[in-house]
PDB file of N, CA and C in Angstrom:
ATOM      1  N   UNK A   1       0.823  -1.196   0.000  1.00  0.00           N
ATOM      2  CA  UNK A   1       0.000   0.000   0.000  1.00  0.00           C
ATOM      3  C   UNK A   1       0.876   1.272   0.000  1.00  0.00           C
ATOM      4  N   UNK A   2       2.043   1.182   0.663  1.00  0.00           N
ATOM      5  CA  UNK A   2       2.949   2.337   0.681  1.00  0.00           C
ATOM      6  C   UNK A   2       3.383   2.711  -0.726  1.00  0.00           C
ATOM      7  N   UNK A   3       3.660   1.703  -1.558  1.00  0.00           N
ATOM      8  CA  UNK A   3       4.099   1.950  -2.929  1.00  0.00           C
ATOM      9  C   UNK A   3       3.045   2.682  -3.746  1.00  0.00           C
ATOM     10  N   UNK A   4       1.798   2.330  -3.524  1.00  0.00           N
ATOM     11  CA  UNK A   4       0.703   2.992  -4.239  1.00  0.00           C
ATOM     12  C   UNK A   4       0.646   4.469  -3.854  1.00  0.00           C
ATOM     13  N   UNK A   5       0.730   4.722  -2.563  1.00  0.00           N
ATOM     14  CA  UNK A   5       0.691   6.110  -2.089  1.00  0.00           C
ATOM     15  C   UNK A   5       1.916   6.900  -2.553  1.00  0.00           C
ATOM     16  N   UNK A   6       3.057   6.243  -2.573  1.00  0.00           N
ATOM     17  CA  UNK A   6       4.267   6.908  -3.043  1.00  0.00           C
ATOM     18  C   UNK A   6       4.142   7.285  -4.516  1.00  0.00           C
ATOM     19  N   UNK A   7       3.661   6.351  -5.344  1.00  0.00           N
ATOM     20  CA  UNK A   7       3.453   6.613  -6.763  1.00  0.00           C
ATOM     21  C   UNK A   7       2.475   7.768  -6.954  1.00  0.00           C
ATOM     22  N   UNK A   8       1.334   7.688  -6.282  1.00  0.00           N
ATOM     23  CA  UNK A   8       0.307   8.727  -6.422  1.00  0.00           C
ATOM     24  C   UNK A   8       0.850  10.082  -5.974  1.00  0.00           C
ATOM     25  N   UNK A   9       1.571  10.099  -4.866  1.00  0.00           N
ATOM     26  CA  UNK A   9       2.122  11.355  -4.360  1.00  0.00           C
ATOM     27  C   UNK A   9       3.119  11.948  -5.343  1.00  0.00           C
ATOM     28  N   UNK A  10       3.964  11.122  -5.928  1.00  0.00           N
ATOM     29  CA  UNK A  10       4.925  11.613  -6.927  1.00  0.00           C
ATOM     30  C   UNK A  10       4.196  12.201  -8.135  1.00  0.00           C
ATOM     31  N   UNK A  11       3.169  11.515  -8.597  1.00  0.00           N
ATOM     32  CA  UNK A  11       2.403  12.021  -9.740  1.00  0.00           C
ATOM     33  C   UNK A  11       1.713  13.335  -9.386  1.00  0.00           C
ATOM     34  N   UNK A  12       1.151  13.413  -8.196  1.00  0.00           N
ATOM     35  CA  UNK A  12       0.435  14.630  -7.788  1.00  0.00           C
ATOM     36  C   UNK A  12       1.401  15.795  -7.567  1.00  0.00           C
ATOM     37  N   UNK A  13       2.601  15.508  -7.064  1.00  0.00           N
ATOM     38  CA  UNK A  13       3.590  16.578  -6.911  1.00  0.00           C
ATOM     39  C   UNK A  13       4.039  17.106  -8.276  1.00  0.00           C
ATOM     40  N   UNK A  14       4.229  16.205  -9.212  1.00  0.00           N
ATOM     41  CA  UNK A  14       4.581  16.637 -10.575  1.00  0.00           C
ATOM     42  C   UNK A  14       3.432  17.442 -11.182  1.00  0.00           C
ATOM     43  N   UNK A  15       2.208  16.963 -10.972  1.00  0.00           N
ATOM     44  CA  UNK A  15       1.041  17.694 -11.469  1.00  0.00           C
ATOM     45  C   UNK A  15       0.975  19.084 -10.842  1.00  0.00           C
ATOM     46  N   UNK A  16       1.266  19.182  -9.552  1.00  0.00           N
ATOM     47  CA  UNK A  16       1.246  20.482  -8.873  1.00  0.00           C
ATOM     48  C   UNK A  16       2.302  21.411  -9.456  1.00  0.00           C
ATOM     49  N   UNK A  17       3.465  20.864  -9.799  1.00  0.00           N
ATOM     50  CA  UNK A  17       4.521  21.666 -10.411  1.00  0.00           C
ATOM     51  C   UNK A  17       4.056  22.240 -11.748  1.00  0.00           C
ATOM     52  N   UNK A  18       3.472  21.406 -12.584  1.00  0.00           N
ATOM     53  CA  UNK A  18       3.003  21.874 -13.886  1.00  0.00           C
ATOM     54  C   UNK A  18       1.817  22.822 -13.744  1.00  0.00           C
ATOM     55  N   UNK A  19       0.940  22.565 -12.783  1.00  0.00           N
ATOM     56  CA  UNK A  19      -0.171  23.473 -12.531  1.00  0.00           C
ATOM     57  C   UNK A  19       0.368  24.830 -12.078  1.00  0.00           C
ATOM     58  N   UNK A  20       1.397  24.801 -11.234  1.00  0.00           N
ATOM     59  CA  UNK A  20       2.042  26.037 -10.792  1.00  0.00           C
ATOM     60  C   UNK A  20       2.640  26.809 -11.960  1.00  0.00           C
ATOM     61  N   UNK A  21       3.211  26.095 -12.925  1.00  0.00           N
ATOM     62  CA  UNK A  21       3.736  26.764 -14.119  1.00  0.00           C
ATOM     63  C   UNK A  21       2.597  27.446 -14.878  1.00  0.00           C
ATOM     64  N   UNK A  22       1.445  26.792 -14.906  1.00  0.00           N
ATOM     65  CA  UNK A  22       0.285  27.397 -15.551  1.00  0.00           C
ATOM     66  C   UNK A  22      -0.167  28.657 -14.831  1.00  0.00           C
ATOM     67  N   UNK A  23      -0.195  28.600 -13.514  1.00  0.00           N
ATOM     68  CA  UNK A  23      -0.567  29.795 -12.741  1.00  0.00           C
ATOM     69  C   UNK A  23       0.439  30.917 -12.959  1.00  0.00           C
ATOM     70  N   UNK A  24       1.702  30.561 -13.013  1.00  0.00           N
ATOM     71  CA  UNK A  24       2.756  31.537 -13.251  1.00  0.00           C
ATOM     72  C   UNK A  24       2.549  32.206 -14.616  1.00  0.00           C
ATOM     73  N   UNK A  25       2.207  31.393 -15.619  1.00  0.00           N
ATOM     74  CA  UNK A  25       1.958  31.936 -16.959  1.00  0.00           C
ATOM     75  C   UNK A  25       0.777  32.902 -16.937  1.00  0.00           C
ATOM     76  N   UNK A  26      -0.246  32.582 -16.180  1.00  0.00           N
ATOM     77  CA  UNK A  26      -1.418  33.461 -16.095  1.00  0.00           C
ATOM     78  C   UNK A  26      -1.085  34.810 -15.486  1.00  0.00           C
ATOM     79  N   UNK A  27      -0.190  34.826 -14.529  1.00  0.00           N
ATOM     80  CA  UNK A  27       0.116  36.041 -13.788  1.00  0.00           C
ATOM     81  C   UNK A  27       1.202  36.911 -14.412  1.00  0.00           C
ATOM     82  N   UNK A  28       1.928  36.355 -15.370  1.00  0.00           N
ATOM     83  CA  UNK A  28       3.032  37.110 -15.980  1.00  0.00           C
ATOM     84  C   UNK A  28       2.513  38.269 -16.818  1.00  0.00           C
ATOM     85  N   UNK A  29       3.245  39.351 -16.765  1.00  0.00           N
ATOM     86  CA  UNK A  29       2.949  40.515 -17.615  1.00  0.00           C
ATOM     87  C   UNK A  29       3.758  40.445 -18.911  1.00  0.00           C
ATOM     88  N   UNK A  30       4.870  39.719 -18.867  1.00  0.00           N
ATOM     89  CA  UNK A  30       5.694  39.514 -20.057  1.00  0.00           C
ATOM     90  C   UNK A  30       5.394  38.123 -20.617  1.00  0.00           C
ATOM     91  N   UNK A  31       5.734  37.859 -21.864  1.00  0.00           N
ATOM     92  CA  UNK A  31       5.418  36.553 -22.456  1.00  0.00           C
ATOM     93  C   UNK A  31       6.096  35.388 -21.724  1.00  0.00           C
ATOM     94  N   UNK A  32       5.345  34.341 -21.528  1.00  0.00           N
ATOM     95  CA  UNK A  32       5.853  33.115 -20.914  1.00  0.00           C
ATOM     96  C   UNK A  32       6.769  32.410 -21.911  1.00  0.00           C
ATOM     97  N   UNK A  33       7.897  31.912 -21.438  1.00  0.00           N
ATOM     98  CA  UNK A  33       8.806  31.156 -22.290  1.00  0.00           C
ATOM     99  C   UNK A  33       8.562  29.661 -22.074  1.00  0.00           C
ATOM    100  N   UNK A  34       9.042  28.871 -22.983  1.00  0.00           N
ATOM    101  CA  UNK A  34       8.864  27.419 -22.882  1.00  0.00           C
ATOM    102  C   UNK A  34      10.151  26.732 -22.455  1.00  0.00           C
ATOM    103  N   UNK A  35      11.245  27.072 -23.096  1.00  0.00           N
ATOM    104  CA  UNK A  35      12.510  26.402 -22.845  1.00  0.00           C
ATOM    105  C   UNK A  35      13.224  27.027 -21.659  1.00  0.00           C
ATOM    106  N   UNK A  36      13.858  26.230 -20.866  1.00  0.00           N
ATOM    107  CA  UNK A  36      14.639  26.719 -19.736  1.00  0.00           C
ATOM    108  C   UNK A  36      15.781  27.586 -20.249  1.00  0.00           C
ATOM    109  N   UNK A  37      15.909  28.760 -19.671  1.00  0.00           N
ATOM    110  CA  UNK A  37      16.989  29.655 -20.063  1.00  0.00           C
ATOM    111  C   UNK A  37      16.675  30.521 -21.260  1.00  0.00           C
ATOM    112  N   UNK A  38      15.532  30.309 -21.897  1.00  0.00           N
ATOM    113  CA  UNK A  38      15.176  31.131 -23.059  1.00  0.00           C
ATOM    114  C   UNK A  38      14.243  32.255 -22.627  1.00  0.00           C
ATOM    115  N   UNK A  39      14.095  33.221 -23.476  1.00  0.00           N
ATOM    116  CA  UNK A  39      13.144  34.297 -23.234  1.00  0.00           C
ATOM    117  C   UNK A  39      12.370  34.561 -24.513  1.00  0.00           C
ATOM    118  N   UNK A  40      11.190  35.117 -24.342  1.00  0.00           N
ATOM    119  CA  UNK A  40      10.373  35.546 -25.476  1.00  0.00           C
ATOM    120  C   UNK A  40      10.177  37.047 -25.300  1.00  0.00           C
ATOM    121  N   UNK A  41      10.653  37.806 -26.240  1.00  0.00           N
ATOM    122  CA  UNK A  41      10.563  39.256 -26.172  1.00  0.00           C
ATOM    123  C   UNK A  41       9.112  39.712 -26.337  1.00  0.00           C
ATOM    124  N   UNK A  42       8.695  40.718 -25.576  1.00  0.00           N
ATOM    125  CA  UNK A  42       7.345  41.266 -25.781  1.00  0.00           C
ATOM    126  C   UNK A  42       7.130  41.762 -27.211  1.00  0.00           C
ATOM    127  N   UNK A  43       8.208  42.106 -27.897  1.00  0.00           N
ATOM    128  CA  UNK A  43       8.107  42.561 -29.288  1.00  0.00           C
ATOM    129  C   UNK A  43       7.732  41.422 -30.244  1.00  0.00           C
ATOM    130  N   UNK A  44       7.948  40.175 -29.791  1.00  0.00           N
ATOM    131  CA  UNK A  44       7.650  39.013 -30.634  1.00  0.00           C
ATOM    132  C   UNK A  44       6.174  38.639 -30.625  1.00  0.00           C
ATOM    133  N   UNK A  45       5.452  39.016 -29.564  1.00  0.00           N
ATOM    134  CA  UNK A  45       4.095  38.531 -29.336  1.00  0.00           C
ATOM    135  C   UNK A  45       3.089  39.656 -29.534  1.00  0.00           C
ATOM    136  N   UNK A  46       2.037  39.384 -30.302  1.00  0.00           N
ATOM    137  CA  UNK A  46       1.036  40.391 -30.591  1.00  0.00           C
ATOM    138  C   UNK A  46       0.073  40.644 -29.446  1.00  0.00           C
ATOM    139  N   UNK A  47      -0.404  39.604 -28.788  1.00  0.00           N
ATOM    140  CA  UNK A  47      -1.362  39.738 -27.685  1.00  0.00           C
ATOM    141  C   UNK A  47      -0.838  38.915 -26.511  1.00  0.00           C
ATOM    142  N   UNK A  48      -0.077  39.556 -25.635  1.00  0.00           N
ATOM    143  CA  UNK A  48       0.597  38.860 -24.535  1.00  0.00           C
ATOM    144  C   UNK A  48      -0.385  38.182 -23.581  1.00  0.00           C
ATOM    145  N   UNK A  49      -1.485  38.839 -23.143  1.00  0.00           N
ATOM    146  CA  UNK A  49      -2.411  38.144 -22.227  1.00  0.00           C
ATOM    147  C   UNK A  49      -3.000  36.861 -22.825  1.00  0.00           C
ATOM    148  N   UNK A  50      -3.387  36.903 -24.096  1.00  0.00           N
ATOM    149  CA  UNK A  50      -3.949  35.694 -24.727  1.00  0.00           C
ATOM    150  C   UNK A  50      -2.875  34.623 -24.895  1.00  0.00           C
ATOM    151  N   UNK A  51      -1.694  35.048 -25.255  1.00  0.00           N
ATOM    152  CA  UNK A  51      -0.567  34.122 -25.399  1.00  0.00           C
ATOM    153  C   UNK A  51      -0.280  33.427 -24.064  1.00  0.00           C
ATOM    154  N   UNK A  52      -0.238  34.196 -22.988  1.00  0.00           N
ATOM    155  CA  UNK A  52       0.027  33.615 -21.668  1.00  0.00           C
ATOM    156  C   UNK A  52      -1.118  32.725 -21.204  1.00  0.00           C
ATOM    157  N   UNK A  53      -2.362  33.089 -21.512  1.00  0.00           N
ATOM    158  CA  UNK A  53      -3.503  32.216 -21.151  1.00  0.00           C
ATOM    159  C   UNK A  53      -3.420  30.888 -21.898  1.00  0.00           C
ATOM    160  N   UNK A  54      -3.033  30.930 -23.163  1.00  0.00           N
ATOM    161  CA  UNK A  54      -2.886  29.689 -23.934  1.00  0.00           C
ATOM    162  C   UNK A  54      -1.782  28.821 -23.339  1.00  0.00           C
ATOM    163  N   UNK A  55      -0.669  29.433 -22.952  1.00  0.00           N
ATOM    164  CA  UNK A  55       0.401  28.689 -22.293  1.00  0.00           C
ATOM    165  C   UNK A  55      -0.084  28.087 -20.979  1.00  0.00           C
ATOM    166  N   UNK A  56      -0.817  28.879 -20.211  1.00  0.00           N
ATOM    167  CA  UNK A  56      -1.337  28.392 -18.935  1.00  0.00           C
ATOM    168  C   UNK A  56      -2.251  27.192 -19.145  1.00  0.00           C
ATOM    169  N   UNK A  57      -3.123  27.276 -20.130  1.00  0.00           N
ATOM    170  CA  UNK A  57      -4.024  26.160 -20.415  1.00  0.00           C
ATOM    171  C   UNK A  57      -3.244  24.905 -20.794  1.00  0.00           C
ATOM    172  N   UNK A  58      -2.198  25.070 -21.598  1.00  0.00           N
ATOM    173  CA  UNK A  58      -1.372  23.927 -21.992  1.00  0.00           C
ATOM    174  C   UNK A  58      -0.797  23.222 -20.762  1.00  0.00           C
ATOM    175  N   UNK A  59      -0.190  24.000 -19.845  1.00  0.00           N
ATOM    176  CA  UNK A  59       0.428  23.412 -18.660  1.00  0.00           C
ATOM    177  C   UNK A  59      -0.615  22.816 -17.721  1.00  0.00           C
ATOM    178  N   UNK A  60      -1.759  23.468 -17.582  1.00  0.00           N
ATOM    179  CA  UNK A  60      -2.784  22.968 -16.653  1.00  0.00           C
ATOM    180  C   UNK A  60      -3.451  21.698 -17.163  1.00  0.00           C
ATOM    181  N   UNK A  61      -3.648  21.590 -18.463  1.00  0.00           N
ATOM    182  CA  UNK A  61      -4.196  20.350 -19.027  1.00  0.00           C
ATOM    183  C   UNK A  61      -3.202  19.212 -18.831  1.00  0.00           C
ATOM    184  N   UNK A  62      -1.925  19.486 -19.052  1.00  0.00           N
ATOM    185  CA  UNK A  62      -0.905  18.464 -18.825  1.00  0.00           C
ATOM    186  C   UNK A  62      -0.895  18.036 -17.356  1.00  0.00           C
ATOM    187  N   UNK A  63      -1.033  19.004 -16.458  1.00  0.00           N
ATOM    188  CA  UNK A  63      -1.069  18.705 -15.022  1.00  0.00           C
ATOM    189  C   UNK A  63      -2.279  17.847 -14.665  1.00  0.00           C
ATOM    190  N   UNK A  64      -3.413  18.129 -15.265  1.00  0.00           N
ATOM    191  CA  UNK A  64      -4.627  17.348 -14.969  1.00  0.00           C
ATOM    192  C   UNK A  64      -4.436  15.885 -15.356  1.00  0.00           C
ATOM    193  N   UNK A  65      -3.803  15.653 -16.494  1.00  0.00           N
ATOM    194  CA  UNK A  65      -3.539  14.272 -16.910  1.00  0.00           C
ATOM    195  C   UNK A  65      -2.643  13.548 -15.920  1.00  0.00           C
ATOM    196  N   UNK A  66      -1.632  14.230 -15.429  1.00  0.00           N
ATOM    197  CA  UNK A  66      -0.725  13.612 -14.442  1.00  0.00           C
ATOM    198  C   UNK A  66      -1.477  13.298 -13.145  1.00  0.00           C
ATOM    199  N   UNK A  67      -2.339  14.216 -12.729  1.00  0.00           N
ATOM    200  CA  UNK A  67      -3.105  13.980 -11.504  1.00  0.00           C
ATOM    201  C   UNK A  67      -4.011  12.763 -11.660  1.00  0.00           C
ATOM    202  N   UNK A  68      -4.637  12.617 -12.812  1.00  0.00           N
ATOM    203  CA  UNK A  68      -5.507  11.462 -13.048  1.00  0.00           C
ATOM    204  C   UNK A  68      -4.719  10.154 -13.050  1.00  0.00           C
ATOM    205  N   UNK A  69      -3.516  10.189 -13.585  1.00  0.00           N
ATOM    206  CA  UNK A  69      -2.679   8.989 -13.571  1.00  0.00           C
ATOM    207  C   UNK A  69      -2.340   8.602 -12.135  1.00  0.00           C
ATOM    208  N   UNK A  70      -2.161   9.588 -11.263  1.00  0.00           N
ATOM    209  CA  UNK A  70      -1.938   9.294  -9.845  1.00  0.00           C
ATOM    210  C   UNK A  70      -3.079   8.487  -9.256  1.00  0.00           C
ATOM    211  N   UNK A  71      -4.302   8.840  -9.635  1.00  0.00           N
ATOM    212  CA  UNK A  71      -5.465   8.088  -9.159  1.00  0.00           C
ATOM    213  C   UNK A  71      -5.529   6.702  -9.790  1.00  0.00           C
ATOM    214  N   UNK A  72      -5.080   6.574 -11.037  1.00  0.00           N
ATOM    215  CA  UNK A  72      -5.097   5.272 -11.724  1.00  0.00           C
ATOM    216  C   UNK A  72      -4.225   4.259 -10.989  1.00  0.00           C
ATOM    217  N   UNK A  73      -3.183   4.734 -10.318  1.00  0.00           N
ATOM    218  CA  UNK A  73      -2.306   3.839  -9.574  1.00  0.00           C
ATOM    219  C   UNK A  73      -3.018   3.097  -8.456  1.00  0.00           C
ATOM    220  N   UNK A  74      -4.085   3.675  -7.910  1.00  0.00           N
ATOM    221  CA  UNK A  74      -4.855   2.989  -6.871  1.00  0.00           C
ATOM    222  C   UNK A  74      -5.633   1.817  -7.442  1.00  0.00           C
ATOM    223  N   UNK A  75      -5.990   1.917  -8.711  1.00  0.00           N
ATOM    224  CA  UNK A  75      -6.724   0.836  -9.347  1.00  0.00           C
ATOM    225  C   UNK A  75      -5.764  -0.273  -9.754  1.00  0.00           C
ATOM    226  N   UNK A  76      -4.627   0.119 -10.349  1.00  0.00           N
ATOM    227  CA  UNK A  76      -3.617  -0.849 -10.764  1.00  0.00           C
ATOM    228  C   UNK A  76      -2.275  -0.138 -10.879  1.00  0.00           C
ATOM    229  N   UNK A  77      -1.310  -0.581 -10.098  1.00  0.00           N
ATOM    230  CA  UNK A  77       0.027   0.021 -10.157  1.00  0.00           C
ATOM    231  C   UNK A  77       0.666  -0.197 -11.527  1.00  0.00           C
ATOM    232  N   UNK A  78       0.455  -1.361 -12.104  1.00  0.00           N
ATOM    233  CA  UNK A  78       1.005  -1.641 -13.428  1.00  0.00           C
ATOM    234  C   UNK A  78       0.428  -0.668 -14.445  1.00  0.00           C
ATOM    235  N   UNK A  79      -0.884  -0.508 -14.435  1.00  0.00           N
ATOM    236  CA  UNK A  79      -1.529   0.424 -15.350  1.00  0.00           C
ATOM    237  C   UNK A  79      -1.035   1.849 -15.104  1.00  0.00           C
ATOM    238  N   UNK A  80      -0.952   2.247 -13.841  1.00  0.00           N
ATOM    239  CA  UNK A  80      -0.472   3.582 -13.513  1.00  0.00           C
ATOM    240  C   UNK A  80       0.943   3.823 -14.018  1.00  0.00           C
ATOM    241  N   UNK A  81       1.813   2.843 -13.845  1.00  0.00           N
ATOM    242  CA  UNK A  81       3.185   2.976 -14.317  1.00  0.00           C
ATOM    243  C   UNK A  81       3.275   3.069 -15.823  1.00  0.00           C
ATOM    244  N   UNK A  82       2.510   2.243 -16.508  1.00  0.00           N
ATOM    245  CA  UNK A  82       2.499   2.276 -17.976  1.00  0.00           C
ATOM    246  C   UNK A  82       1.956   3.615 -18.470  1.00  0.00           C
ATOM    247  N   UNK A  83       0.855   4.050 -17.871  1.00  0.00           N
ATOM    248  CA  UNK A  83       0.274   5.333 -18.267  1.00  0.00           C
ATOM    249  C   UNK A  83       1.242   6.491 -18.006  1.00  0.00           C
ATOM    250  N   UNK A  84       1.919   6.436 -16.868  1.00  0.00           N
ATOM    251  CA  UNK A  84       2.878   7.502 -16.538  1.00  0.00           C
ATOM    252  C   UNK A  84       4.007   7.545 -17.564  1.00  0.00           C
ATOM    253  N   UNK A  85       4.532   6.388 -17.919  1.00  0.00           N
ATOM    254  CA  UNK A  85       5.627   6.347 -18.901  1.00  0.00           C
ATOM    255  C   UNK A  85       5.162   6.863 -20.260  1.00  0.00           C
ATOM    256  N   UNK A  86       4.005   6.415 -20.697  1.00  0.00           N
ATOM    257  CA  UNK A  86       3.476   6.860 -21.991  1.00  0.00           C
ATOM    258  C   UNK A  86       3.188   8.358 -21.960  1.00  0.00           C
ATOM    259  N   UNK A  87       2.575   8.823 -20.869  1.00  0.00           N
ATOM    260  CA  UNK A  87       2.176  10.222 -20.764  1.00  0.00           C
ATOM    261  C   UNK A  87       3.382  11.155 -20.736  1.00  0.00           C
ATOM    262  N   UNK A  88       4.386  10.791 -19.973  1.00  0.00           N
ATOM    263  CA  UNK A  88       5.556  11.655 -19.867  1.00  0.00           C
ATOM    264  C   UNK A  88       6.383  11.598 -21.151  1.00  0.00           C
ATOM    265  N   UNK A  89       6.700  10.410 -21.617  1.00  0.00           N
ATOM    266  CA  UNK A  89       7.527  10.297 -22.823  1.00  0.00           C
ATOM    267  C   UNK A  89       6.800  10.795 -24.068  1.00  0.00           C
ATOM    268  N   UNK A  90       5.510  10.506 -24.163  1.00  0.00           N
ATOM    269  CA  UNK A  90       4.725  10.999 -25.297  1.00  0.00           C
ATOM    270  C   UNK A  90       4.327  12.448 -25.132  1.00  0.00           C
ATOM    271  N   UNK A  91       4.200  12.891 -23.887  1.00  0.00           N
ATOM    272  CA  UNK A  91       3.757  14.250 -23.621  1.00  0.00           C
ATOM    273  C   UNK A  91       4.794  15.303 -23.953  1.00  0.00           C
ATOM    274  N   UNK A  92       6.054  14.958 -23.851  1.00  0.00           N
ATOM    275  CA  UNK A  92       7.105  15.944 -24.118  1.00  0.00           C
ATOM    276  C   UNK A  92       7.032  16.448 -25.564  1.00  0.00           C
ATOM    277  N   UNK A  93       7.016  15.569 -26.567  1.00  0.00           N
ATOM    278  CA  UNK A  93       6.902  16.097 -27.932  1.00  0.00           C
ATOM    279  C   UNK A  93       5.565  16.791 -28.188  1.00  0.00           C
ATOM    280  N   UNK A  94       4.508  16.333 -27.526  1.00  0.00           N
ATOM    281  CA  UNK A  94       3.207  16.995 -27.691  1.00  0.00           C
ATOM    282  C   UNK A  94       3.261  18.411 -27.116  1.00  0.00           C
ATOM    283  N   UNK A  95       3.877  18.573 -25.945  1.00  0.00           N
ATOM    284  CA  UNK A  95       4.022  19.908 -25.365  1.00  0.00           C
ATOM    285  C   UNK A  95       4.828  20.823 -26.285  1.00  0.00           C
ATOM    286  N   UNK A  96       5.901  20.311 -26.849  1.00  0.00           N
ATOM    287  CA  UNK A  96       6.717  21.114 -27.768  1.00  0.00           C
ATOM    288  C   UNK A  96       5.877  21.543 -28.964  1.00  0.00           C
ATOM    289  N   UNK A  97       5.117  20.618 -29.525  1.00  0.00           N
ATOM    290  CA  UNK A  97       4.270  20.919 -30.681  1.00  0.00           C
ATOM    291  C   UNK A  97       3.190  21.939 -30.323  1.00  0.00           C
ATOM    292  N   UNK A  98       2.508  21.737 -29.206  1.00  0.00           N
ATOM    293  CA  UNK A  98       1.450  22.657 -28.786  1.00  0.00           C
ATOM    294  C   UNK A  98       2.031  24.041 -28.521  1.00  0.00           C
ATOM    295  N   UNK A  99       3.187  24.095 -27.860  1.00  0.00           N
ATOM    296  CA  UNK A  99       3.800  25.401 -27.618  1.00  0.00           C
ATOM    297  C   UNK A  99       4.123  26.088 -28.937  1.00  0.00           C
ATOM    298  N   UNK A 100       4.654  25.347 -29.896  1.00  0.00           N
ATOM    299  CA  UNK A 100       5.002  25.951 -31.183  1.00  0.00           C
ATOM    300  C   UNK A 100       3.759  26.495 -31.875  1.00  0.00           C
ATOM    301  N   UNK A 101       2.645  25.793 -31.754  1.00  0.00           N
ATOM    302  CA  UNK A 101       1.381  26.273 -32.329  1.00  0.00           C
ATOM    303  C   UNK A 101       0.951  27.570 -31.638  1.00  0.00           C
ATOM    304  N   UNK A 102       1.045  27.597 -30.313  1.00  0.00           N
ATOM    305  CA  UNK A 102       0.697  28.808 -29.553  1.00  0.00           C
ATOM    306  C   UNK A 102       1.601  29.961 -29.967  1.00  0.00           C
ATOM    307  N   UNK A 103       2.897  29.719 -30.013  1.00  0.00           N
ATOM    308  CA  UNK A 103       3.851  30.766 -30.367  1.00  0.00           C
ATOM    309  C   UNK A 103       3.554  31.319 -31.760  1.00  0.00           C
ATOM    310  N   UNK A 104       3.344  30.433 -32.720  1.00  0.00           N
ATOM    311  CA  UNK A 104       3.077  30.867 -34.096  1.00  0.00           C
ATOM    312  C   UNK A 104       1.767  31.630 -34.206  1.00  0.00           C
ATOM    313  N   UNK A 105       0.789  31.256 -33.402  1.00  0.00           N
ATOM    314  CA  UNK A 105      -0.511  31.929 -33.441  1.00  0.00           C
ATOM    315  C   UNK A 105      -0.407  33.372 -32.951  1.00  0.00           C
ATOM    316  N   UNK A 106       0.392  33.617 -31.939  1.00  0.00           N
ATOM    317  CA  UNK A 106       0.435  34.930 -31.303  1.00  0.00           C
ATOM    318  C   UNK A 106       1.668  35.770 -31.665  1.00  0.00           C
ATOM    319  N   UNK A 107       2.589  35.220 -32.438  1.00  0.00           N
ATOM    320  CA  UNK A 107       3.774  36.027 -32.766  1.00  0.00           C
ATOM    321  C   UNK A 107       3.382  37.127 -33.747  1.00  0.00           C
ATOM    322  N   UNK A 108       4.121  38.218 -33.639  1.00  0.00           N
ATOM    323  CA  UNK A 108       3.889  39.359 -34.523  1.00  0.00           C
ATOM    324  C   UNK A 108       4.321  38.982 -35.931  1.00  0.00           C
ATOM    325  N   UNK A 109       3.603  39.481 -36.896  1.00  0.00           N
ATOM    326  CA  UNK A 109       3.954  39.235 -38.290  1.00  0.00           C
ATOM    327  C   UNK A 109       5.227  39.947 -38.664  1.00  0.00           C
ATOM    328  N   UNK A 110       5.916  39.402 -39.611  1.00  0.00           N
ATOM    329  CA  UNK A 110       7.141  40.023 -40.123  1.00  0.00           C
ATOM    330  C   UNK A 110       6.768  41.311 -40.854  1.00  0.00           C
ATOM    331  N   UNK A 111       7.510  42.383 -40.605  1.00  0.00           N
ATOM    332  CA  UNK A 111       7.212  43.640 -41.323  1.00  0.00           C
ATOM    333  C   UNK A 111       8.411  44.162 -42.053  1.00  0.00           C
TER     334      UNK A 111
END
């Protein structure tokens, strides 16, 4: 039973981290960046509040999936582990793709 709680707690802590990133994106006045160490200039983005809300939604949806996987571990640890591996490994390229779509949607046109 300890292992189940440990798995669920790890998933929920990761979900809380990603949810926190979403909240951070909502509160930022400057554009939210995706990559560690990178920045997005306010000159690059046409509508910063909408851009940041889209980023926040991306992170919060990802967090919700992680939280649900934490609950799946109570039903079956094997299923929870498989789902966690698929979600994290598959989620990384999906996050990159979704971020690129958000960035392209809100970036200023070339002039």
